[in-house]
Amino acid sequence: MYDRTQSTVEFLKAKTNGFTPETGIILGTGLGGLVNEIKADFVIPYETIPDFPLSTVEGHSGKLIFGNLNGKKVVAMQGRFHFYEGYSMQEVTFPVRVMKYLGISRLFVSNASGGVNPEFEIGDLMIQTDHINLFPAHPLIGRNDKRFGPRFPDMSDAYDKSLIALADKVTASLGIKTVKGVYAGLTGPTFETPAEYRYVRAIGADAVGMSTVPEVIVARHMGIPCFAISVITDLGVPGKIVEVTHEEVQHVAAIAEKKLTRIIAEMIAQL
């Protein structure tokens, strides 16, 4: 894994003339529009990058964007990879390891999720304060390579408190409402049953989705501070559960995209 990571990093550095990003960004379902705010220096399709998986889900275009966002150097994944696509956890999280060795010192992650907190509404933006890992596989299972991080990484501060405080400051100044909560990660690709929604709520989650947790685990393994934000695209609350399609999830995410873009762009500007 380490050698593969270094090989991919060398390829990307050669393609980008040694571009060194400060911040990594992973954009989730329907949230790829932030790249329109990036003054792109290099756009590299995933299929041309050694050992990179390919995005197979609608709403994930599959490009790595290197450029400038509000005066800061960033690398953004326009489209991510999911366990339900058939990739291993190591493949899902491989880009995070690559971004670390490209030079990032922080990671921003967005996703679309189903809200199970009865106080949430469709379209809410939830700042993640913690997560519950319900995936059947773990990205750190197997022999640990100390060059990446420790055998038993601490997860008591999975979501960086200083970045959350900055988000509070930014959203207040922009007049954008946000909520906070715990994200539960499940495999998908089915949306949850009513009983599963009740279970997720009972164990302490406020939202449920099919991503983010593996990437954050690997980022923290390598000591990268993380910030994650969810768009609540549907509700798994008794009495409010309706049939959900991926197209509807994309539609709600697209509506919230402008607000999310303003938040992340302004946070990065103030770092």
Protein backbone atom coordinates (compact mmCIF):
# COMPACT_ATOMS: atom_id res chain seq x y z
CA MET A 1 0.00 0.00 0.00
CA TYR A 2 2.77 2.44 0.90
CA ASP A 3 4.63 1.81 -2.36
CA ARG A 4 1.43 2.14 -4.40
CA THR A 5 0.65 5.39 -2.60
CA GLN A 6 4.09 6.81 -3.32
CA SER A 7 3.90 5.75 -6.97
CA THR A 8 0.57 7.53 -7.41
CA VAL A 9 1.84 10.63 -5.60
CA GLU A 10 4.89 10.76 -7.86
CA PHE A 11 2.63 10.48 -10.93
CA LEU A 12 0.40 13.32 -9.73
CA LYS A 13 3.30 15.56 -8.77
CA ALA A 14 4.76 15.09 -12.24
CA LYS A 15 1.39 15.89 -13.83
CA THR A 16 0.90 19.02 -11.68
CA ASN A 17 4.45 20.38 -11.70
CA GLY A 18 4.85 19.63 -8.01
CA PHE A 19 1.60 21.32 -6.89
CA THR A 20 1.37 21.09 -3.07
CA PRO A 21 -2.20 21.44 -1.74
CA GLU A 22 -2.88 22.61 1.79
CA THR A 23 -6.45 21.28 2.01
CA GLY A 24 -8.11 18.17 0.64
CA ILE A 25 -11.81 18.19 -0.22
CA ILE A 26 -14.06 15.17 -0.87
CA LEU A 27 -17.35 16.15 -2.49
CA GLY A 28 -20.33 13.83 -2.09
CA THR A 29 -23.53 13.12 -4.00
CA GLY A 30 -24.73 16.14 -5.98
CA LEU A 31 -22.21 18.39 -4.24
CA GLY A 32 -19.55 18.62 -6.92
CA GLY A 33 -20.37 22.25 -7.78
CA LEU A 34 -17.78 23.59 -5.34
CA VAL A 35 -15.18 22.91 -8.01
CA ASN A 36 -16.70 25.80 -10.00
CA GLU A 37 -15.31 28.09 -7.29
CA ILE A 38 -11.83 26.61 -7.61
CA LYS A 39 -9.46 28.29 -10.03
CA ALA A 40 -8.28 25.02 -11.47
CA ASP A 41 -4.67 24.62 -12.48
CA PHE A 42 -4.95 20.92 -13.26
CA VAL A 43 -7.92 18.59 -13.82
CA ILE A 44 -7.04 14.91 -13.88
CA PRO A 45 -9.68 12.21 -14.64
CA TYR A 46 -9.58 9.29 -12.23
CA GLU A 47 -9.20 6.77 -15.05
CA THR A 48 -5.78 8.23 -15.87
CA ILE A 49 -4.43 7.99 -12.31
CA PRO A 50 -2.52 4.80 -11.37
CA ASP A 51 -4.33 2.62 -8.79
CA PHE A 52 -7.27 5.04 -8.50
CA PRO A 53 -10.72 3.41 -8.55
CA LEU A 54 -13.44 4.82 -10.82
CA SER A 55 -16.66 6.54 -9.70
CA THR A 56 -19.63 4.45 -10.83
CA VAL A 57 -22.44 6.42 -9.16
CA GLU A 58 -24.52 9.14 -10.79
CA GLY A 59 -23.60 12.49 -9.24
CA HIS A 60 -19.92 11.56 -8.89
CA SER A 61 -18.11 12.77 -12.00
CA GLY A 62 -14.66 11.33 -11.26
CA LYS A 63 -12.05 14.07 -11.47
CA LEU A 64 -9.21 15.25 -9.25
CA ILE A 65 -9.02 19.06 -9.25
CA PHE A 66 -5.86 20.92 -8.26
CA GLY A 67 -6.21 24.66 -7.88
CA ASN A 68 -6.77 27.77 -5.80
CA LEU A 69 -9.82 28.42 -3.62
CA ASN A 70 -9.97 31.83 -1.93
CA GLY A 71 -6.21 32.17 -1.99
CA LYS A 72 -5.47 28.66 -0.72
CA LYS A 73 -4.11 25.67 -2.59
CA VAL A 74 -6.57 22.75 -2.60
CA VAL A 75 -7.05 19.34 -4.15
CA ALA A 76 -10.68 18.32 -4.57
CA MET A 77 -12.19 14.95 -5.37
CA GLN A 78 -15.16 15.57 -7.64
CA GLY A 79 -16.74 12.22 -6.91
CA ARG A 80 -15.82 9.67 -4.25
CA PHE A 81 -15.77 5.89 -3.96
CA HIS A 82 -18.09 3.72 -1.90
CA PHE A 83 -17.88 0.29 -0.31
CA TYR A 84 -21.19 -0.66 -1.97
CA GLU A 85 -19.60 -0.22 -5.42
CA GLY A 86 -17.62 -3.36 -4.72
CA TYR A 87 -14.38 -1.68 -3.75
CA SER A 88 -12.42 -2.78 -0.72
CA MET A 89 -12.06 -0.38 2.18
CA GLN A 90 -8.42 0.09 1.19
CA GLU A 91 -9.50 1.13 -2.32
CA VAL A 92 -12.22 3.44 -0.99
CA THR A 93 -9.72 5.29 1.18
CA PHE A 94 -6.68 5.15 -1.09
CA PRO A 95 -7.18 8.76 -2.32
CA VAL A 96 -6.99 10.05 1.27
CA ARG A 97 -3.57 8.47 1.68
CA VAL A 98 -2.49 9.98 -1.64
CA MET A 99 -3.71 13.46 -0.63
CA LYS A 100 -1.75 13.20 2.62
CA TYR A 101 1.49 12.64 0.75
CA LEU A 102 0.65 15.34 -1.74
CA GLY A 103 0.84 17.68 1.24
CA ILE A 104 -2.62 18.31 2.73
CA SER A 105 -2.81 19.31 6.39
CA ARG A 106 -6.61 19.08 6.72
CA LEU A 107 -9.53 17.27 5.08
CA PHE A 108 -13.02 18.57 4.30
CA VAL A 109 -15.72 15.98 3.54
CA SER A 110 -19.33 16.39 2.44
CA ASN A 111 -22.11 13.87 1.97
CA ALA A 112 -25.83 13.43 1.50
CA SER A 113 -27.56 11.62 4.35
CA GLY A 114 -30.91 10.66 5.79
CA GLY A 115 -31.95 12.48 8.94
CA VAL A 116 -33.20 10.41 11.88
CA ASN A 117 -33.33 13.28 14.39
CA PRO A 118 -37.01 14.34 14.56
CA GLU A 119 -35.95 17.99 14.82
CA PHE A 120 -34.22 17.89 11.43
CA GLU A 121 -35.78 19.03 8.16
CA ILE A 122 -35.03 18.12 4.57
CA GLY A 123 -32.35 20.45 3.27
CA ASP A 124 -30.68 21.02 6.65
CA LEU A 125 -26.90 21.16 6.76
CA MET A 126 -25.55 19.01 9.60
CA ILE A 127 -22.04 19.62 10.91
CA GLN A 128 -20.74 16.26 12.03
CA THR A 129 -19.48 16.11 15.60
CA ASP A 130 -18.88 12.35 15.71
CA HIS A 131 -19.69 9.14 13.90
CA ILE A 132 -20.78 5.54 14.50
CA ASN A 133 -19.06 2.98 12.29
CA LEU A 134 -21.57 0.31 11.22
CA PHE A 135 -19.65 -0.88 8.17
CA PRO A 136 -18.87 -4.64 8.23
CA ALA A 137 -15.26 -3.97 7.19
CA HIS A 138 -12.68 -1.55 8.56
CA PRO A 139 -10.09 0.29 6.45
CA LEU A 140 -7.31 -0.39 8.98
CA ILE A 141 -7.76 -4.16 9.25
CA GLY A 142 -4.60 -6.02 8.32
CA ARG A 143 -0.94 -5.47 8.97
CA ASN A 144 -0.28 -1.90 10.09
CA ASP A 145 2.34 0.17 8.29
CA LYS A 146 3.83 2.59 10.83
CA ARG A 147 4.74 4.96 8.01
CA PHE A 148 1.01 5.72 7.74
CA GLY A 149 0.16 5.82 11.43
CA PRO A 150 -0.13 3.86 14.70
CA ARG A 151 -1.63 0.39 15.08
CA PHE A 152 -4.39 1.72 17.37
CA PRO A 153 -5.26 5.29 16.34
CA ASP A 154 -7.28 7.37 18.77
CA MET A 155 -10.70 8.50 17.51
CA SER A 156 -11.77 10.69 20.44
CA ASP A 157 -11.34 13.76 18.23
CA ALA A 158 -12.38 12.40 14.84
CA TYR A 159 -13.92 15.75 13.82
CA ASP A 160 -11.66 18.66 14.62
CA LYS A 161 -13.12 20.98 17.24
CA SER A 162 -11.28 24.05 15.96
CA LEU A 163 -12.70 23.49 12.45
CA ILE A 164 -16.19 23.05 13.91
CA ALA A 165 -15.75 26.33 15.82
CA LEU A 166 -14.66 28.02 12.60
CA ALA A 167 -17.74 26.64 10.85
CA ASP A 168 -19.95 28.09 13.58
CA LYS A 169 -18.32 31.48 13.12
CA VAL A 170 -18.61 31.36 9.33
CA THR A 171 -22.22 30.18 9.21
CA ALA A 172 -23.23 32.86 11.72
CA SER A 173 -21.59 35.56 9.60
CA LEU A 174 -23.25 34.22 6.44
CA GLY A 175 -26.64 33.80 8.10
CA ILE A 176 -26.82 30.13 7.14
CA LYS A 177 -28.64 27.77 9.48
CA THR A 178 -26.86 24.55 10.43
CA VAL A 179 -27.49 21.74 12.87
CA LYS A 180 -25.02 19.42 14.56
CA GLY A 181 -25.11 15.70 14.98
CA VAL A 182 -23.67 12.22 14.86
CA TYR A 183 -23.40 10.40 11.51
CA ALA A 184 -23.88 6.63 11.27
CA GLY A 185 -22.14 4.92 8.36
CA LEU A 186 -23.83 1.91 6.71
CA THR A 187 -22.89 0.06 3.54
CA GLY A 188 -25.97 0.68 1.37
CA PRO A 189 -26.81 0.66 -1.46
CA THR A 190 -30.36 0.22 -0.19
CA PHE A 191 -31.93 3.08 1.69
CA GLU A 192 -32.82 2.08 5.23
CA THR A 193 -35.98 0.33 6.35
CA PRO A 194 -38.14 2.03 9.00
CA ALA A 195 -36.81 -0.44 11.59
CA GLU A 196 -33.23 0.35 10.60
CA TYR A 197 -33.91 4.09 10.91
CA ARG A 198 -35.29 3.48 14.43
CA TYR A 199 -32.24 1.39 15.30
CA VAL A 200 -29.80 4.05 14.09
CA ARG A 201 -31.62 6.69 16.10
CA ALA A 202 -31.74 4.46 19.20
CA ILE A 203 -27.97 3.96 19.23
CA GLY A 204 -27.31 7.70 19.17
CA ALA A 205 -27.12 8.87 15.56
CA ASP A 206 -28.77 11.93 14.04
CA ALA A 207 -28.18 11.02 10.40
CA VAL A 208 -27.25 7.96 8.36
CA GLY A 209 -25.31 7.61 5.14
CA MET A 210 -23.08 5.34 3.06
CA SER A 211 -19.71 7.13 3.10
CA THR A 212 -17.42 9.48 5.05
CA VAL A 213 -16.61 7.19 7.99
CA PRO A 214 -13.91 5.16 6.17
CA GLU A 215 -12.22 8.29 4.79
CA VAL A 216 -12.20 9.99 8.19
CA ILE A 217 -10.79 6.90 9.91
CA VAL A 218 -7.89 6.76 7.46
CA ALA A 219 -7.33 10.51 7.66
CA ARG A 220 -7.12 10.36 11.45
CA HIS A 221 -4.82 7.34 11.21
CA MET A 222 -2.43 9.67 9.40
CA GLY A 223 -3.00 12.60 11.75
CA ILE A 224 -5.08 14.72 9.36
CA PRO A 225 -7.68 16.99 11.07
CA CYS A 226 -11.15 16.47 9.57
CA PHE A 227 -14.29 18.51 9.03
CA ALA A 228 -17.45 16.90 7.66
CA ILE A 229 -20.86 18.27 6.75
CA SER A 230 -24.01 16.43 5.65
CA VAL A 231 -26.93 17.59 3.56
CA ILE A 232 -30.09 16.05 5.01
CA THR A 233 -31.78 14.87 1.82
CA ASP A 234 -34.55 12.71 3.32
CA LEU A 235 -36.03 11.84 6.69
CA GLY A 236 -36.03 8.51 8.47
CA VAL A 237 -38.38 9.74 11.17
CA PRO A 238 -41.60 7.84 12.06
CA GLY A 239 -44.52 9.48 10.27
CA LYS A 240 -42.22 11.24 7.79
CA ILE A 241 -40.74 8.25 5.96
CA VAL A 242 -41.55 8.18 2.26
CA GLU A 243 -40.16 6.29 -0.71
CA VAL A 244 -36.77 7.75 -1.68
CA THR A 245 -34.87 7.65 -4.97
CA HIS A 246 -31.28 8.57 -5.75
CA GLU A 247 -32.58 11.24 -8.13
CA GLU A 248 -34.49 12.90 -5.29
CA VAL A 249 -31.40 12.79 -3.08
CA GLN A 250 -29.39 14.49 -5.84
CA HIS A 251 -32.10 17.13 -6.28
CA VAL A 252 -32.13 18.12 -2.60
CA ALA A 253 -28.33 18.08 -2.47
CA ALA A 254 -28.17 20.36 -5.50
CA ILE A 255 -30.48 22.90 -3.83
CA ALA A 256 -28.30 22.95 -0.71
CA GLU A 257 -25.11 23.06 -2.75
CA LYS A 258 -24.86 26.86 -2.95
CA LYS A 259 -24.99 27.21 0.84
CA LEU A 260 -22.51 24.41 1.34
CA THR A 261 -20.17 25.95 -1.21
CA ARG A 262 -20.25 29.32 0.57
CA ILE A 263 -19.49 27.70 3.93
CA ILE A 264 -16.53 25.62 2.78
CA ALA A 265 -15.09 28.38 0.59
CA GLU A 266 -15.22 30.91 3.42
CA MET A 267 -13.80 28.46 5.97
CA ILE A 268 -10.85 27.76 3.72
CA ALA A 269 -10.33 31.48 3.16
CA GLN A 270 -10.01 31.99 6.92
CA LEU A 271 -7.59 29.14 7.57
